[in-house]
PDB file of all heavy atoms in Angstrom:
ATOM      1  N   HIS A   1     -18.963  70.649 -79.777  1.00  0.00           N
ATOM      2  CA  HIS A   1     -20.342  70.507 -79.303  1.00  0.00           C
ATOM      3  C   HIS A   1     -20.815  71.796 -78.625  1.00  0.00           C
ATOM      4  O   HIS A   1     -21.940  72.254 -78.856  1.00  0.00           O
ATOM      5  CB  HIS A   1     -20.430  69.331 -78.318  1.00  0.00           C
ATOM      6  CG  HIS A   1     -21.786  69.154 -77.707  1.00  0.00           C
ATOM      7  ND1 HIS A   1     -22.774  68.403 -78.298  1.00  0.00           N
ATOM      8  CD2 HIS A   1     -22.316  69.644 -76.546  1.00  0.00           C
ATOM      9  CE1 HIS A   1     -23.857  68.434 -77.534  1.00  0.00           C
ATOM     10  NE2 HIS A   1     -23.604  69.166 -76.469  1.00  0.00           N
ATOM     11  N   GLY A   2     -19.952  72.379 -77.794  1.00  0.00           N
ATOM     12  CA  GLY A   2     -20.319  73.613 -77.106  1.00  0.00           C
ATOM     13  C   GLY A   2     -20.624  74.745 -78.064  1.00  0.00           C
ATOM     14  O   GLY A   2     -21.574  75.504 -77.870  1.00  0.00           O
ATOM     15  N   VAL A   3     -19.816  74.865 -79.124  1.00  0.00           N
ATOM     16  CA  VAL A   3     -20.032  75.915 -80.118  1.00  0.00           C
ATOM     17  C   VAL A   3     -21.324  75.664 -80.904  1.00  0.00           C
ATOM     18  O   VAL A   3     -22.147  76.557 -81.086  1.00  0.00           O
ATOM     19  CB  VAL A   3     -18.827  76.020 -81.070  1.00  0.00           C
ATOM     20  CG1 VAL A   3     -19.153  76.933 -82.254  1.00  0.00           C
ATOM     21  CG2 VAL A   3     -17.611  76.554 -80.328  1.00  0.00           C
ATOM     22  N   LEU A   4     -21.506  74.420 -81.364  1.00  0.00           N
ATOM     23  CA  LEU A   4     -22.677  74.100 -82.181  1.00  0.00           C
ATOM     24  C   LEU A   4     -23.987  74.314 -81.435  1.00  0.00           C
ATOM     25  O   LEU A   4     -24.998  74.699 -82.024  1.00  0.00           O
ATOM     26  CB  LEU A   4     -22.591  72.649 -82.669  1.00  0.00           C
ATOM     27  CG  LEU A   4     -21.524  72.344 -83.720  1.00  0.00           C
ATOM     28  CD1 LEU A   4     -21.483  70.853 -84.041  1.00  0.00           C
ATOM     29  CD2 LEU A   4     -21.782  73.147 -85.002  1.00  0.00           C
ATOM     30  N   HIS A   5     -23.971  74.097 -80.131  1.00  0.00           N
ATOM     31  CA  HIS A   5     -25.200  74.194 -79.343  1.00  0.00           C
ATOM     32  C   HIS A   5     -25.258  75.462 -78.490  1.00  0.00           C
ATOM     33  O   HIS A   5     -26.168  75.609 -77.663  1.00  0.00           O
ATOM     34  CB  HIS A   5     -25.349  72.958 -78.462  1.00  0.00           C
ATOM     35  CG  HIS A   5     -25.521  71.677 -79.248  1.00  0.00           C
ATOM     36  ND1 HIS A   5     -26.737  71.260 -79.728  1.00  0.00           N
ATOM     37  CD2 HIS A   5     -24.612  70.768 -79.662  1.00  0.00           C
ATOM     38  CE1 HIS A   5     -26.590  70.118 -80.391  1.00  0.00           C
ATOM     39  NE2 HIS A   5     -25.301  69.794 -80.376  1.00  0.00           N
ATOM     40  N   GLY A   6     -24.295  76.359 -78.695  1.00  0.00           N
ATOM     41  CA  GLY A   6     -24.318  77.627 -77.975  1.00  0.00           C
ATOM     42  C   GLY A   6     -24.149  77.484 -76.477  1.00  0.00           C
ATOM     43  O   GLY A   6     -24.685  78.278 -75.703  1.00  0.00           O
ATOM     44  N   GLN A   7     -23.392  76.482 -76.030  1.00  0.00           N
ATOM     45  CA  GLN A   7     -23.211  76.220 -74.599  1.00  0.00           C
ATOM     46  C   GLN A   7     -21.825  76.712 -74.178  1.00  0.00           C
ATOM     47  O   GLN A   7     -20.832  75.992 -74.283  1.00  0.00           O
ATOM     48  CB  GLN A   7     -23.377  74.728 -74.318  1.00  0.00           C
ATOM     49  CG  GLN A   7     -24.767  74.205 -74.644  1.00  0.00           C
ATOM     50  CD  GLN A   7     -24.864  72.698 -74.522  1.00  0.00           C
ATOM     51  OE1 GLN A   7     -23.936  71.962 -74.865  1.00  0.00           O
ATOM     52  NE2 GLN A   7     -26.004  72.215 -74.036  1.00  0.00           N
ATOM     53  N   VAL A   8     -21.778  77.944 -73.695  1.00  0.00           N
ATOM     54  CA  VAL A   8     -20.488  78.564 -73.390  1.00  0.00           C
ATOM     55  C   VAL A   8     -19.764  77.830 -72.271  1.00  0.00           C
ATOM     56  O   VAL A   8     -18.536  77.681 -72.302  1.00  0.00           O
ATOM     57  CB  VAL A   8     -20.670  80.066 -73.050  1.00  0.00           C
ATOM     58  CG1 VAL A   8     -21.488  80.256 -71.799  1.00  0.00           C
ATOM     59  CG2 VAL A   8     -19.323  80.754 -72.942  1.00  0.00           C
ATOM     60  N   ASP A   9     -20.491  77.348 -71.256  1.00  0.00           N
ATOM     61  CA  ASP A   9     -19.841  76.649 -70.151  1.00  0.00           C
ATOM     62  C   ASP A   9     -19.214  75.341 -70.624  1.00  0.00           C
ATOM     63  O   ASP A   9     -18.123  74.967 -70.171  1.00  0.00           O
ATOM     64  CB  ASP A   9     -20.851  76.374 -69.029  1.00  0.00           C
ATOM     65  CG  ASP A   9     -21.270  77.647 -68.315  1.00  0.00           C
ATOM     66  OD1 ASP A   9     -20.529  78.640 -68.404  1.00  0.00           O
ATOM     67  OD2 ASP A   9     -22.335  77.640 -67.669  1.00  0.00           O
ATOM     68  N   VAL A  10     -19.916  74.644 -71.519  1.00  0.00           N
ATOM     69  CA  VAL A  10     -19.376  73.395 -72.061  1.00  0.00           C
ATOM     70  C   VAL A  10     -18.105  73.676 -72.854  1.00  0.00           C
ATOM     71  O   VAL A  10     -17.096  72.976 -72.714  1.00  0.00           O
ATOM     72  CB  VAL A  10     -20.421  72.692 -72.957  1.00  0.00           C
ATOM     73  CG1 VAL A  10     -19.794  71.518 -73.708  1.00  0.00           C
ATOM     74  CG2 VAL A  10     -21.599  72.213 -72.119  1.00  0.00           C
ATOM     75  N   PHE A  11     -18.153  74.719 -73.685  1.00  0.00           N
ATOM     76  CA  PHE A  11     -16.974  75.066 -74.471  1.00  0.00           C
ATOM     77  C   PHE A  11     -15.797  75.437 -73.573  1.00  0.00           C
ATOM     78  O   PHE A  11     -14.672  74.963 -73.778  1.00  0.00           O
ATOM     79  CB  PHE A  11     -17.279  76.226 -75.417  1.00  0.00           C
ATOM     80  CG  PHE A  11     -16.050  76.733 -76.138  1.00  0.00           C
ATOM     81  CD1 PHE A  11     -15.604  76.111 -77.301  1.00  0.00           C
ATOM     82  CD2 PHE A  11     -15.330  77.812 -75.638  1.00  0.00           C
ATOM     83  CE1 PHE A  11     -14.452  76.558 -77.945  1.00  0.00           C
ATOM     84  CE2 PHE A  11     -14.189  78.262 -76.278  1.00  0.00           C
ATOM     85  CZ  PHE A  11     -13.751  77.629 -77.434  1.00  0.00           C
ATOM     86  N   ASN A  12     -16.031  76.302 -72.590  1.00  0.00           N
ATOM     87  CA  ASN A  12     -14.941  76.764 -71.736  1.00  0.00           C
ATOM     88  C   ASN A  12     -14.295  75.604 -70.976  1.00  0.00           C
ATOM     89  O   ASN A  12     -13.066  75.540 -70.840  1.00  0.00           O
ATOM     90  CB  ASN A  12     -15.442  77.825 -70.766  1.00  0.00           C
ATOM     91  CG  ASN A  12     -15.693  79.154 -71.451  1.00  0.00           C
ATOM     92  OD1 ASN A  12     -15.135  79.429 -72.507  1.00  0.00           O
ATOM     93  ND2 ASN A  12     -16.538  79.976 -70.859  1.00  0.00           N
ATOM     94  N   GLN A  13     -15.127  74.688 -70.448  1.00  0.00           N
ATOM     95  CA  GLN A  13     -14.579  73.546 -69.729  1.00  0.00           C
ATOM     96  C   GLN A  13     -13.788  72.640 -70.664  1.00  0.00           C
ATOM     97  O   GLN A  13     -12.692  72.165 -70.329  1.00  0.00           O
ATOM     98  CB  GLN A  13     -15.708  72.752 -69.074  1.00  0.00           C
ATOM     99  CG  GLN A  13     -15.214  71.550 -68.257  1.00  0.00           C
ATOM    100  CD  GLN A  13     -14.288  71.960 -67.130  1.00  0.00           C
ATOM    101  OE1 GLN A  13     -14.668  72.749 -66.259  1.00  0.00           O
ATOM    102  NE2 GLN A  13     -13.058  71.452 -67.120  1.00  0.00           N
ATOM    103  N   ALA A  14     -14.338  72.394 -71.863  1.00  0.00           N
ATOM    104  CA  ALA A  14     -13.649  71.531 -72.823  1.00  0.00           C
ATOM    105  C   ALA A  14     -12.355  72.173 -73.319  1.00  0.00           C
ATOM    106  O   ALA A  14     -11.360  71.473 -73.569  1.00  0.00           O
ATOM    107  CB  ALA A  14     -14.570  71.215 -73.994  1.00  0.00           C
ATOM    108  N   ASP A  15     -12.371  73.494 -73.467  1.00  0.00           N
ATOM    109  CA  ASP A  15     -11.158  74.211 -73.879  1.00  0.00           C
ATOM    110  C   ASP A  15     -10.063  74.022 -72.844  1.00  0.00           C
ATOM    111  O   ASP A  15      -8.905  73.742 -73.179  1.00  0.00           O
ATOM    112  CB  ASP A  15     -11.492  75.684 -74.064  1.00  0.00           C
ATOM    113  CG  ASP A  15     -10.287  76.502 -74.503  1.00  0.00           C
ATOM    114  OD1 ASP A  15      -9.668  76.155 -75.524  1.00  0.00           O
ATOM    115  OD2 ASP A  15      -9.960  77.493 -73.822  1.00  0.00           O
ATOM    116  N   ASP A  16     -10.428  74.146 -71.578  1.00  0.00           N
ATOM    117  CA  ASP A  16      -9.461  73.932 -70.507  1.00  0.00           C
ATOM    118  C   ASP A  16      -8.986  72.482 -70.501  1.00  0.00           C
ATOM    119  O   ASP A  16      -7.781  72.208 -70.355  1.00  0.00           O
ATOM    120  CB  ASP A  16     -10.102  74.290 -69.161  1.00  0.00           C
ATOM    121  CG  ASP A  16      -9.076  74.445 -68.057  1.00  0.00           C
ATOM    122  OD1 ASP A  16      -8.104  75.199 -68.235  1.00  0.00           O
ATOM    123  OD2 ASP A  16      -9.242  73.803 -67.006  1.00  0.00           O
ATOM    124  N   ASP A  17      -9.918  71.542 -70.687  1.00  0.00           N
ATOM    125  CA  ASP A  17      -9.554  70.125 -70.716  1.00  0.00           C
ATOM    126  C   ASP A  17      -8.592  69.815 -71.869  1.00  0.00           C
ATOM    127  O   ASP A  17      -7.669  69.012 -71.713  1.00  0.00           O
ATOM    128  CB  ASP A  17     -10.807  69.264 -70.865  1.00  0.00           C
ATOM    129  CG  ASP A  17     -11.701  69.299 -69.632  1.00  0.00           C
ATOM    130  OD1 ASP A  17     -11.233  69.722 -68.566  1.00  0.00           O
ATOM    131  OD2 ASP A  17     -12.876  68.905 -69.754  1.00  0.00           O
ATOM    132  N   PHE A  18      -8.826  70.474 -73.008  1.00  0.00           N
ATOM    133  CA  PHE A  18      -7.983  70.226 -74.178  1.00  0.00           C
ATOM    134  C   PHE A  18      -6.537  70.625 -73.900  1.00  0.00           C
ATOM    135  O   PHE A  18      -5.599  69.845 -74.113  1.00  0.00           O
ATOM    136  CB  PHE A  18      -8.516  71.002 -75.387  1.00  0.00           C
ATOM    137  CG  PHE A  18      -7.680  70.857 -76.625  1.00  0.00           C
ATOM    138  CD1 PHE A  18      -7.881  69.788 -77.492  1.00  0.00           C
ATOM    139  CD2 PHE A  18      -6.686  71.775 -76.934  1.00  0.00           C
ATOM    140  CE1 PHE A  18      -7.099  69.637 -78.640  1.00  0.00           C
ATOM    141  CE2 PHE A  18      -5.903  71.641 -78.072  1.00  0.00           C
ATOM    142  CZ  PHE A  18      -6.116  70.568 -78.925  1.00  0.00           C
ATOM    143  N   HIS A  19      -6.343  71.847 -73.427  1.00  0.00           N
ATOM    144  CA  HIS A  19      -4.983  72.331 -73.203  1.00  0.00           C
ATOM    145  C   HIS A  19      -4.295  71.557 -72.081  1.00  0.00           C
ATOM    146  O   HIS A  19      -3.085  71.285 -72.151  1.00  0.00           O
ATOM    147  CB  HIS A  19      -5.011  73.827 -72.907  1.00  0.00           C
ATOM    148  CG  HIS A  19      -5.331  74.660 -74.106  1.00  0.00           C
ATOM    149  ND1 HIS A  19      -4.369  75.111 -74.972  1.00  0.00           N
ATOM    150  CD2 HIS A  19      -6.520  75.095 -74.600  1.00  0.00           C
ATOM    151  CE1 HIS A  19      -4.938  75.807 -75.947  1.00  0.00           C
ATOM    152  NE2 HIS A  19      -6.237  75.806 -75.744  1.00  0.00           N
ATOM    153  N   THR A  20      -5.052  71.194 -71.058  1.00  0.00           N
ATOM    154  CA  THR A  20      -4.484  70.390 -69.977  1.00  0.00           C
ATOM    155  C   THR A  20      -4.099  69.003 -70.474  1.00  0.00           C
ATOM    156  O   THR A  20      -3.050  68.459 -70.093  1.00  0.00           O
ATOM    157  CB  THR A  20      -5.478  70.280 -68.816  1.00  0.00           C
ATOM    158  OG1 THR A  20      -5.809  71.587 -68.331  1.00  0.00           O
ATOM    159  CG2 THR A  20      -4.888  69.468 -67.667  1.00  0.00           C
ATOM    160  N   ALA A  21      -4.948  68.428 -71.329  1.00  0.00           N
ATOM    161  CA  ALA A  21      -4.658  67.089 -71.859  1.00  0.00           C
ATOM    162  C   ALA A  21      -3.399  67.093 -72.724  1.00  0.00           C
ATOM    163  O   ALA A  21      -2.602  66.145 -72.674  1.00  0.00           O
ATOM    164  CB  ALA A  21      -5.854  66.581 -72.663  1.00  0.00           C
ATOM    165  N   VAL A  22      -3.222  68.134 -73.527  1.00  0.00           N
ATOM    166  CA  VAL A  22      -2.005  68.234 -74.339  1.00  0.00           C
ATOM    167  C   VAL A  22      -0.783  68.327 -73.433  1.00  0.00           C
ATOM    168  O   VAL A  22       0.234  67.646 -73.656  1.00  0.00           O
ATOM    169  CB  VAL A  22      -2.081  69.444 -75.291  1.00  0.00           C
ATOM    170  CG1 VAL A  22      -0.725  69.680 -75.967  1.00  0.00           C
ATOM    171  CG2 VAL A  22      -3.166  69.241 -76.344  1.00  0.00           C
ATOM    172  N   ALA A  23      -0.867  69.167 -72.398  1.00  0.00           N
ATOM    173  CA  ALA A  23       0.261  69.312 -71.479  1.00  0.00           C
ATOM    174  C   ALA A  23       0.537  68.008 -70.744  1.00  0.00           C
ATOM    175  O   ALA A  23       1.702  67.649 -70.510  1.00  0.00           O
ATOM    176  CB  ALA A  23      -0.017  70.439 -70.489  1.00  0.00           C
ATOM    177  N   THR A  24      -0.512  67.282 -70.387  1.00  0.00           N
ATOM    178  CA  THR A  24      -0.330  65.990 -69.713  1.00  0.00           C
ATOM    179  C   THR A  24       0.396  65.010 -70.619  1.00  0.00           C
ATOM    180  O   THR A  24       1.280  64.256 -70.170  1.00  0.00           O
ATOM    181  CB  THR A  24      -1.697  65.410 -69.312  1.00  0.00           C
ATOM    182  OG1 THR A  24      -2.348  66.318 -68.408  1.00  0.00           O
ATOM    183  CG2 THR A  24      -1.549  64.054 -68.634  1.00  0.00           C
ATOM    184  N   ALA A  25       0.050  65.030 -71.913  1.00  0.00           N
ATOM    185  CA  ALA A  25       0.656  64.108 -72.872  1.00  0.00           C
ATOM    186  C   ALA A  25       2.126  64.417 -73.130  1.00  0.00           C
ATOM    187  O   ALA A  25       2.842  63.596 -73.711  1.00  0.00           O
ATOM    188  CB  ALA A  25      -0.119  64.141 -74.189  1.00  0.00           C
ATOM    189  N   ALA A  26       2.595  65.588 -72.691  1.00  0.00           N
ATOM    190  CA  ALA A  26       4.018  65.919 -72.841  1.00  0.00           C
ATOM    191  C   ALA A  26       4.882  65.161 -71.850  1.00  0.00           C
ATOM    192  O   ALA A  26       6.114  65.103 -72.008  1.00  0.00           O
ATOM    193  CB  ALA A  26       4.232  67.420 -72.667  1.00  0.00           C
ATOM    194  N   HIS A  27       4.254  64.606 -70.816  1.00  0.00           N
ATOM    195  CA  HIS A  27       4.967  63.819 -69.803  1.00  0.00           C
ATOM    196  C   HIS A  27       6.102  64.627 -69.162  1.00  0.00           C
ATOM    197  O   HIS A  27       7.228  64.148 -69.012  1.00  0.00           O
ATOM    198  CB  HIS A  27       5.508  62.515 -70.408  1.00  0.00           C
ATOM    199  CG  HIS A  27       4.432  61.545 -70.778  1.00  0.00           C
ATOM    200  ND1 HIS A  27       4.017  60.520 -69.965  1.00  0.00           N
ATOM    201  CD2 HIS A  27       3.656  61.472 -71.888  1.00  0.00           C
ATOM    202  CE1 HIS A  27       3.042  59.843 -70.546  1.00  0.00           C
ATOM    203  NE2 HIS A  27       2.787  60.408 -71.727  1.00  0.00           N
ATOM    204  N   ASN A  28       5.772  65.865 -68.792  1.00  0.00           N
ATOM    205  CA  ASN A  28       6.728  66.730 -68.096  1.00  0.00           C
ATOM    206  C   ASN A  28       5.956  67.466 -67.000  1.00  0.00           C
ATOM    207  O   ASN A  28       5.144  68.345 -67.291  1.00  0.00           O
ATOM    208  CB  ASN A  28       7.379  67.723 -69.063  1.00  0.00           C
ATOM    209  CG  ASN A  28       8.462  68.558 -68.405  1.00  0.00           C
ATOM    210  OD1 ASN A  28       8.226  69.198 -67.390  1.00  0.00           O
ATOM    211  ND2 ASN A  28       9.653  68.551 -68.990  1.00  0.00           N
ATOM    212  N   THR A  29       6.202  67.088 -65.765  1.00  0.00           N
ATOM    213  CA  THR A  29       5.438  67.626 -64.638  1.00  0.00           C
ATOM    214  C   THR A  29       5.565  69.138 -64.531  1.00  0.00           C
ATOM    215  O   THR A  29       4.591  69.827 -64.209  1.00  0.00           O
ATOM    216  CB  THR A  29       5.909  66.978 -63.323  1.00  0.00           C
ATOM    217  OG1 THR A  29       5.704  65.564 -63.396  1.00  0.00           O
ATOM    218  CG2 THR A  29       5.143  67.529 -62.131  1.00  0.00           C
ATOM    219  N   PHE A  30       6.741  69.664 -64.819  1.00  0.00           N
ATOM    220  CA  PHE A  30       6.948  71.102 -64.694  1.00  0.00           C
ATOM    221  C   PHE A  30       6.159  71.863 -65.758  1.00  0.00           C
ATOM    222  O   PHE A  30       5.573  72.913 -65.490  1.00  0.00           O
ATOM    223  CB  PHE A  30       8.442  71.429 -64.785  1.00  0.00           C
ATOM    224  CG  PHE A  30       9.251  70.813 -63.682  1.00  0.00           C
ATOM    225  CD1 PHE A  30       9.984  69.655 -63.912  1.00  0.00           C
ATOM    226  CD2 PHE A  30       9.265  71.356 -62.404  1.00  0.00           C
ATOM    227  CE1 PHE A  30      10.717  69.061 -62.908  1.00  0.00           C
ATOM    228  CE2 PHE A  30       9.990  70.780 -61.383  1.00  0.00           C
ATOM    229  CZ  PHE A  30      10.726  69.619 -61.631  1.00  0.00           C
ATOM    230  N   LEU A  31       6.162  71.344 -66.976  1.00  0.00           N
ATOM    231  CA  LEU A  31       5.373  71.970 -68.036  1.00  0.00           C
ATOM    232  C   LEU A  31       3.883  71.938 -67.697  1.00  0.00           C
ATOM    233  O   LEU A  31       3.173  72.928 -67.879  1.00  0.00           O
ATOM    234  CB  LEU A  31       5.604  71.251 -69.370  1.00  0.00           C
ATOM    235  CG  LEU A  31       6.683  71.798 -70.298  1.00  0.00           C
ATOM    236  CD1 LEU A  31       6.749  70.945 -71.563  1.00  0.00           C
ATOM    237  CD2 LEU A  31       6.412  73.255 -70.653  1.00  0.00           C
ATOM    238  N   LEU A  32       3.409  70.806 -67.230  1.00  0.00           N
ATOM    239  CA  LEU A  32       1.989  70.679 -66.883  1.00  0.00           C
ATOM    240  C   LEU A  32       1.603  71.686 -65.811  1.00  0.00           C
ATOM    241  O   LEU A  32       0.564  72.349 -65.915  1.00  0.00           O
ATOM    242  CB  LEU A  32       1.701  69.259 -66.410  1.00  0.00           C
ATOM    243  CG  LEU A  32       0.273  68.987 -65.921  1.00  0.00           C
ATOM    244  CD1 LEU A  32      -0.740  69.260 -67.021  1.00  0.00           C
ATOM    245  CD2 LEU A  32       0.157  67.542 -65.430  1.00  0.00           C
ATOM    246  N   SER A  33       2.431  71.843 -64.799  1.00  0.00           N
ATOM    247  CA  SER A  33       2.153  72.809 -63.736  1.00  0.00           C
ATOM    248  C   SER A  33       2.124  74.232 -64.269  1.00  0.00           C
ATOM    249  O   SER A  33       1.244  75.033 -63.913  1.00  0.00           O
ATOM    250  CB  SER A  33       3.204  72.687 -62.625  1.00  0.00           C
ATOM    251  OG  SER A  33       2.992  73.643 -61.610  1.00  0.00           O
ATOM    252  N   ALA A  34       3.080  74.571 -65.153  1.00  0.00           N
ATOM    253  CA  ALA A  34       3.132  75.916 -65.719  1.00  0.00           C
ATOM    254  C   ALA A  34       1.910  76.204 -66.576  1.00  0.00           C
ATOM    255  O   ALA A  34       1.335  77.299 -66.522  1.00  0.00           O
ATOM    256  CB  ALA A  34       4.405  76.088 -66.544  1.00  0.00           C
ATOM    257  N   VAL A  35       1.500  75.230 -67.393  1.00  0.00           N
ATOM    258  CA  VAL A  35       0.327  75.418 -68.244  1.00  0.00           C
ATOM    259  C   VAL A  35      -0.915  75.616 -67.389  1.00  0.00           C
ATOM    260  O   VAL A  35      -1.749  76.486 -67.670  1.00  0.00           O
ATOM    261  CB  VAL A  35       0.157  74.211 -69.197  1.00  0.00           C
ATOM    262  CG1 VAL A  35      -1.207  74.251 -69.888  1.00  0.00           C
ATOM    263  CG2 VAL A  35       1.269  74.199 -70.233  1.00  0.00           C
ATOM    264  N   ARG A  36      -1.071  74.831 -66.345  1.00  0.00           N
ATOM    265  CA  ARG A  36      -2.231  74.965 -65.465  1.00  0.00           C
ATOM    266  C   ARG A  36      -2.263  76.333 -64.793  1.00  0.00           C
ATOM    267  O   ARG A  36      -3.311  76.977 -64.710  1.00  0.00           O
ATOM    268  CB  ARG A  36      -2.226  73.851 -64.412  1.00  0.00           C
ATOM    269  CG  ARG A  36      -2.696  72.505 -64.938  1.00  0.00           C
ATOM    270  CD  ARG A  36      -2.535  71.435 -63.883  1.00  0.00           C
ATOM    271  NE  ARG A  36      -3.206  70.195 -64.263  1.00  0.00           N
ATOM    272  CZ  ARG A  36      -3.024  69.038 -63.648  1.00  0.00           C
ATOM    273  NH1 ARG A  36      -2.170  68.955 -62.626  1.00  0.00           N
ATOM    274  NH2 ARG A  36      -3.670  67.959 -64.043  1.00  0.00           N
ATOM    275  N   ASP A  37      -1.104  76.785 -64.296  1.00  0.00           N
ATOM    276  CA  ASP A  37      -1.058  78.089 -63.633  1.00  0.00           C
ATOM    277  C   ASP A  37      -1.437  79.213 -64.599  1.00  0.00           C
ATOM    278  O   ASP A  37      -2.199  80.121 -64.249  1.00  0.00           O
ATOM    279  CB  ASP A  37       0.337  78.347 -63.058  1.00  0.00           C
ATOM    280  CG  ASP A  37       0.529  77.724 -61.686  1.00  0.00           C
ATOM    281  OD1 ASP A  37      -0.469  77.266 -61.109  1.00  0.00           O
ATOM    282  OD2 ASP A  37       1.672  77.683 -61.207  1.00  0.00           O
ATOM    283  N   ALA A  38      -0.886  79.165 -65.812  1.00  0.00           N
ATOM    284  CA  ALA A  38      -1.170  80.215 -66.786  1.00  0.00           C
ATOM    285  C   ALA A  38      -2.643  80.230 -67.165  1.00  0.00           C
ATOM    286  O   ALA A  38      -3.257  81.287 -67.327  1.00  0.00           O
ATOM    287  CB  ALA A  38      -0.302  80.028 -68.030  1.00  0.00           C
ATOM    288  N   ARG A  39      -3.243  79.068 -67.297  1.00  0.00           N
ATOM    289  CA  ARG A  39      -4.659  79.015 -67.647  1.00  0.00           C
ATOM    290  C   ARG A  39      -5.533  79.474 -66.487  1.00  0.00           C
ATOM    291  O   ARG A  39      -6.598  80.049 -66.700  1.00  0.00           O
ATOM    292  CB  ARG A  39      -5.040  77.615 -68.109  1.00  0.00           C
ATOM    293  CG  ARG A  39      -4.444  77.270 -69.468  1.00  0.00           C
ATOM    294  CD  ARG A  39      -5.089  76.054 -70.076  1.00  0.00           C
ATOM    295  NE  ARG A  39      -6.519  76.264 -70.296  1.00  0.00           N
ATOM    296  CZ  ARG A  39      -7.028  76.942 -71.320  1.00  0.00           C
ATOM    297  NH1 ARG A  39      -6.229  77.510 -72.217  1.00  0.00           N
ATOM    298  NH2 ARG A  39      -8.328  77.060 -71.439  1.00  0.00           N
ATOM    299  N   ARG A  40      -5.121  79.236 -65.261  1.00  0.00           N
ATOM    300  CA  ARG A  40      -5.854  79.781 -64.113  1.00  0.00           C
ATOM    301  C   ARG A  40      -5.849  81.304 -64.156  1.00  0.00           C
ATOM    302  O   ARG A  40      -6.851  81.955 -63.877  1.00  0.00           O
ATOM    303  CB  ARG A  40      -5.247  79.286 -62.798  1.00  0.00           C
ATOM    304  CG  ARG A  40      -5.484  77.818 -62.500  1.00  0.00           C
ATOM    305  CD  ARG A  40      -5.071  77.491 -61.079  1.00  0.00           C
ATOM    306  NE  ARG A  40      -5.110  76.075 -60.813  1.00  0.00           N
ATOM    307  CZ  ARG A  40      -4.031  75.289 -60.692  1.00  0.00           C
ATOM    308  NH1 ARG A  40      -2.824  75.819 -60.804  1.00  0.00           N
ATOM    309  NH2 ARG A  40      -4.148  74.008 -60.450  1.00  0.00           N
ATOM    310  N   LEU A  41      -4.706  81.873 -64.495  1.00  0.00           N
ATOM    311  CA  LEU A  41      -4.623  83.325 -64.617  1.00  0.00           C
ATOM    312  C   LEU A  41      -5.549  83.821 -65.722  1.00  0.00           C
ATOM    313  O   LEU A  41      -6.252  84.824 -65.558  1.00  0.00           O
ATOM    314  CB  LEU A  41      -3.176  83.743 -64.910  1.00  0.00           C
ATOM    315  CG  LEU A  41      -2.174  83.576 -63.772  1.00  0.00           C
ATOM    316  CD1 LEU A  41      -0.769  83.869 -64.264  1.00  0.00           C
ATOM    317  CD2 LEU A  41      -2.519  84.470 -62.600  1.00  0.00           C
ATOM    318  N   GLN A  42      -5.553  83.120 -66.849  1.00  0.00           N
ATOM    319  CA  GLN A  42      -6.404  83.564 -67.949  1.00  0.00           C
ATOM    320  C   GLN A  42      -7.878  83.509 -67.565  1.00  0.00           C
ATOM    321  O   GLN A  42      -8.678  84.331 -68.008  1.00  0.00           O
ATOM    322  CB  GLN A  42      -6.157  82.710 -69.197  1.00  0.00           C
ATOM    323  CG  GLN A  42      -6.923  83.207 -70.413  1.00  0.00           C
ATOM    324  CD  GLN A  42      -6.596  82.424 -71.662  1.00  0.00           C
ATOM    325  OE1 GLN A  42      -5.449  82.078 -71.916  1.00  0.00           O
ATOM    326  NE2 GLN A  42      -7.612  82.145 -72.457  1.00  0.00           N
ATOM    327  N   ARG A  43      -8.249  82.546 -66.730  1.00  0.00           N
ATOM    328  CA  ARG A  43      -9.648  82.443 -66.320  1.00  0.00           C
ATOM    329  C   ARG A  43     -10.093  83.644 -65.502  1.00  0.00           C
ATOM    330  O   ARG A  43     -11.283  83.900 -65.368  1.00  0.00           O
ATOM    331  CB  ARG A  43      -9.883  81.146 -65.549  1.00  0.00           C
ATOM    332  CG  ARG A  43      -9.996  79.925 -66.440  1.00  0.00           C
ATOM    333  CD  ARG A  43     -10.661  78.769 -65.701  1.00  0.00           C
ATOM    334  NE  ARG A  43      -9.843  78.255 -64.626  1.00  0.00           N
ATOM    335  CZ  ARG A  43      -8.911  77.312 -64.777  1.00  0.00           C
ATOM    336  NH1 ARG A  43      -8.679  76.800 -65.974  1.00  0.00           N
ATOM    337  NH2 ARG A  43      -8.221  76.872 -63.751  1.00  0.00           N
TER     338      ARG A  43
END
């Protein structure tokens, strides 16, 4: 939706939500923490 409508903030938030959701679905607290930290750095 963000790409189709040219909404960069929507895309960026959804991109972060996507990667966080995948890490959450791994059911490993340490992995989730590492993914979140790395994405904070990328931001």
